[in-house]
C-alpha atoms as a PDB file:
ATOM      1  CA  MET A   1     -78.613   0.273 -39.629  1.00  0.00           C
ATOM      2  CA  PHE A   2     -75.883  -2.154 -40.631  1.00  0.00           C
ATOM      3  CA  LEU A   3     -72.237  -2.061 -39.660  1.00  0.00           C
ATOM      4  CA  PHE A   4     -69.429  -3.826 -41.598  1.00  0.00           C
ATOM      5  CA  TRP A   5     -66.352  -3.787 -39.209  1.00  0.00           C
ATOM      6  CA  GLY A   6     -62.689  -4.579 -39.827  1.00  0.00           C
ATOM      7  CA  ASP A   7     -60.763  -5.863 -42.824  1.00  0.00           C
ATOM      8  CA  GLU A   8     -63.132  -8.654 -43.114  1.00  0.00           C
ATOM      9  CA  PHE A   9     -66.243  -6.556 -42.899  1.00  0.00           C
ATOM     10  CA  LEU A  10     -67.824  -8.467 -40.121  1.00  0.00           C
ATOM     11  CA  CYS A  11     -71.497  -8.023 -39.902  1.00  0.00           C
ATOM     12  CA  PHE A  12     -73.397  -6.172 -37.169  1.00  0.00           C
ATOM     13  CA  TYR A  13     -76.919  -4.758 -37.303  1.00  0.00           C
ATOM     14  CA  ASN A  14     -79.697  -3.281 -35.095  1.00  0.00           C
ATOM     15  CA  GLU A  15     -83.133  -4.881 -34.364  1.00  0.00           C
ATOM     16  CA  ALA A  16     -84.779  -2.516 -36.782  1.00  0.00           C
ATOM     17  CA  PHE A  17     -82.653  -4.011 -39.631  1.00  0.00           C
ATOM     18  CA  ARG A  18     -83.541  -7.613 -38.608  1.00  0.00           C
ATOM     19  CA  PRO A  19     -86.874  -7.846 -40.598  1.00  0.00           C
ATOM     20  CA  SER A  20     -84.992  -6.852 -43.788  1.00  0.00           C
ATOM     21  CA  LEU A  21     -83.151 -10.150 -43.565  1.00  0.00           C
ATOM     22  CA  GLY A  22     -86.451 -12.078 -44.036  1.00  0.00           C
ATOM     23  CA  ASN A  23     -87.881 -14.993 -42.094  1.00  0.00           C
ATOM     24  CA  ASP A  24     -85.868 -17.516 -43.911  1.00  0.00           C
ATOM     25  CA  GLY A  25     -82.557 -15.867 -44.941  1.00  0.00           C
ATOM     26  CA  LYS A  26     -79.522 -14.374 -43.492  1.00  0.00           C
ATOM     27  CA  HIS A  27     -80.316 -14.021 -39.822  1.00  0.00           C
ATOM     28  CA  PRO A  28     -78.404 -14.525 -37.724  1.00  0.00           C
ATOM     29  CA  ALA A  29     -75.473 -12.798 -39.484  1.00  0.00           C
ATOM     30  CA  ILE A  30     -73.913 -11.019 -36.509  1.00  0.00           C
ATOM     31  CA  GLY A  31     -70.195 -11.393 -36.414  1.00  0.00           C
ATOM     32  CA  LYS A  32     -69.935 -13.346 -39.704  1.00  0.00           C
ATOM     33  CA  LYS A  33     -67.804 -12.231 -42.662  1.00  0.00           C
ATOM     34  CA  ALA A  34     -69.680 -10.140 -45.109  1.00  0.00           C
ATOM     35  CA  ILE A  35     -68.496 -12.152 -48.237  1.00  0.00           C
ATOM     36  CA  VAL A  36     -70.013 -15.242 -46.576  1.00  0.00           C
ATOM     37  CA  VAL A  37     -73.279 -13.540 -45.650  1.00  0.00           C
ATOM     38  CA  TRP A  38     -73.726 -11.483 -48.824  1.00  0.00           C
ATOM     39  CA  GLY A  39     -71.991 -13.616 -51.449  1.00  0.00           C
ATOM     40  CA  GLU A  40     -74.759 -13.408 -54.039  1.00  0.00           C
ATOM     41  CA  ILE A  41     -74.462  -9.490 -54.007  1.00  0.00           C
ATOM     42  CA  TRP A  42     -70.699  -9.188 -53.351  1.00  0.00           C
ATOM     43  CA  HIS A  43     -70.149  -7.929 -56.940  1.00  0.00           C
ATOM     44  CA  ILE A  44     -72.525  -4.975 -55.858  1.00  0.00           C
ATOM     45  CA  ILE A  45     -71.509  -4.154 -52.295  1.00  0.00           C
ATOM     46  CA  GLY A  46     -67.915  -5.378 -52.226  1.00  0.00           C
ATOM     47  CA  PRO A  47     -66.649  -2.547 -54.539  1.00  0.00           C
ATOM     48  CA  LEU A  48     -68.743   0.014 -52.537  1.00  0.00           C
ATOM     49  CA  LEU A  49     -67.401  -1.135 -49.145  1.00  0.00           C
ATOM     50  CA  GLN A  50     -63.793  -1.066 -50.522  1.00  0.00           C
ATOM     51  CA  LYS A  51     -64.394   2.516 -51.943  1.00  0.00           C
ATOM     52  CA  VAL A  52     -65.670   3.859 -48.643  1.00  0.00           C
ATOM     53  CA  PHE A  53     -62.999   2.042 -46.527  1.00  0.00           C
ATOM     54  CA  VAL A  54     -60.122   3.224 -48.732  1.00  0.00           C
ATOM     55  CA  THR A  55     -61.198   6.692 -49.716  1.00  0.00           C
ATOM     56  CA  GLY A  56     -63.301   7.719 -46.724  1.00  0.00           C
ATOM     57  CA  GLU A  57     -65.966   9.085 -49.104  1.00  0.00           C
ATOM     58  CA  ALA A  58     -69.495   8.194 -48.513  1.00  0.00           C
ATOM     59  CA  VAL A  59     -71.721   6.854 -51.239  1.00  0.00           C
ATOM     60  CA  MET A  60     -75.534   6.954 -51.517  1.00  0.00           C
ATOM     61  CA  PHE A  61     -78.139   5.397 -53.757  1.00  0.00           C
ATOM     62  CA  GLU A  62     -81.789   5.902 -54.119  1.00  0.00           C
ATOM     63  CA  ASP A  63     -84.257   3.176 -55.088  1.00  0.00           C
ATOM     64  CA  GLN A  64     -81.462   0.873 -56.045  1.00  0.00           C
ATOM     65  CA  LEU A  65     -82.190  -2.701 -56.944  1.00  0.00           C
ATOM     66  CA  VAL A  66     -80.191  -5.017 -54.799  1.00  0.00           C
ATOM     67  CA  PRO A  67     -81.687  -8.561 -55.061  1.00  0.00           C
ATOM     68  CA  PHE A  68     -80.595 -11.038 -52.344  1.00  0.00           C
ATOM     69  CA  TYR A  69     -81.653 -14.244 -50.662  1.00  0.00           C
ATOM     70  CA  ARG A  70     -84.414 -13.966 -48.000  1.00  0.00           C
ATOM     71  CA  ASN A  71     -87.725 -15.738 -47.327  1.00  0.00           C
ATOM     72  CA  GLY A  72     -86.331 -18.836 -48.947  1.00  0.00           C
ATOM     73  CA  LYS A  73     -85.498 -17.363 -52.368  1.00  0.00           C
ATOM     74  CA  VAL A  74     -83.769 -14.555 -54.132  1.00  0.00           C
ATOM     75  CA  GLU A  75     -85.987 -11.503 -54.028  1.00  0.00           C
ATOM     76  CA  ASN A  76     -85.815  -8.191 -56.010  1.00  0.00           C
ATOM     77  CA  ILE A  77     -85.520  -5.605 -53.341  1.00  0.00           C
ATOM     78  CA  TYR A  78     -85.013  -1.826 -53.775  1.00  0.00           C
ATOM     79  CA  TRP A  79     -83.202   0.210 -51.252  1.00  0.00           C
ATOM     80  CA  THR A  80     -82.304   3.748 -50.502  1.00  0.00           C
ATOM     81  CA  PHE A  81     -79.027   3.542 -48.671  1.00  0.00           C
ATOM     82  CA  CYS A  82     -75.819   5.399 -47.693  1.00  0.00           C
ATOM     83  CA  TYR A  83     -72.382   3.644 -46.893  1.00  0.00           C
ATOM     84  CA  SER A  84     -70.379   6.003 -44.659  1.00  0.00           C
ATOM     85  CA  PRO A  85     -66.919   5.502 -43.108  1.00  0.00           C
ATOM     86  CA  ALA A  86     -66.960   4.345 -39.410  1.00  0.00           C
ATOM     87  CA  LEU A  87     -64.012   5.478 -37.365  1.00  0.00           C
ATOM     88  CA  GLY A  88     -62.102   3.435 -34.717  1.00  0.00           C
ATOM     89  CA  GLU A  89     -60.789   4.793 -31.496  1.00  0.00           C
ATOM     90  CA  ASP A  90     -57.665   5.868 -33.326  1.00  0.00           C
ATOM     91  CA  ASP A  91     -59.734   8.094 -35.754  1.00  0.00           C
ATOM     92  CA  LYS A  92     -58.867   5.661 -38.675  1.00  0.00           C
ATOM     93  CA  ILE A  93     -61.535   4.096 -40.870  1.00  0.00           C
ATOM     94  CA  ARG A  94     -62.253   0.688 -39.346  1.00  0.00           C
ATOM     95  CA  GLY A  95     -65.591  -0.051 -40.911  1.00  0.00           C
ATOM     96  CA  VAL A  96     -68.473   1.133 -42.910  1.00  0.00           C
ATOM     97  CA  LEU A  97     -71.888   2.088 -41.493  1.00  0.00           C
ATOM     98  CA  VAL A  98     -74.949   1.523 -43.661  1.00  0.00           C
ATOM     99  CA  THR A  99     -78.133   3.556 -43.198  1.00  0.00           C
ATOM    100  CA  CYS A 100     -80.854   2.191 -45.269  1.00  0.00           C
ATOM    101  CA  MET A 101     -84.484   1.903 -45.854  1.00  0.00           C
ATOM    102  CA  GLU A 102     -86.213  -0.677 -48.146  1.00  0.00           C
ATOM    103  CA  THR A 103     -88.241   1.068 -50.820  1.00  0.00           C
ATOM    104  CA  THR A 104     -89.535  -1.948 -52.788  1.00  0.00           C
ATOM    105  CA  LYS A 105     -93.304  -1.133 -52.268  1.00  0.00           C
ATOM    106  CA  ASN A 106     -92.812   2.442 -53.370  1.00  0.00           C
ATOM    107  CA  VAL A 107     -90.804   1.489 -56.445  1.00  0.00           C
ATOM    108  CA  LEU A 108     -93.279  -1.198 -57.572  1.00  0.00           C
ATOM    109  CA  ALA A 109     -96.204   1.287 -57.079  1.00  0.00           C
ATOM    110  CA  LYS A 110     -94.556   3.743 -59.386  1.00  0.00           C
ATOM    111  CA  MET A 111     -93.894   0.972 -61.983  1.00  0.00           C
ATOM    112  CA  SER A 112     -97.641   0.053 -62.180  1.00  0.00           C
END
C-alpha cells in the first residue's frame, strides 16, 4: 500500500511496498512530495491523484504500464492498482490510498 497525503501528496508506504521501489531507486521516499519522488510519471499519476482528491471517486487499472526509475534505470513495470480517497478526522478527503500489485511477470508471460 501507498498513501499520498495532503495537498502536496506526501508519500507514505508500508514495508510490503518497499521492494517495488527497487534496490537503487526511490527509497526512502517517506514524507517527500510526490512530484519530487514520482517526477518521471507525474503526467500519469498526477491527474489520477487530482481526480480522486477532488471528486472522491476511486479509479482502478489492471495490468497498466507505469514505467519508473528503480534499480538504477527506468523499468517498464506493469501494475494492477486502485486509487481511493482517504479521509481525515474531519471526514473530508485528505489523501489518496493506493492498493497495488506488480503484474509485470504475468503480463510478459502473456506476451510471449
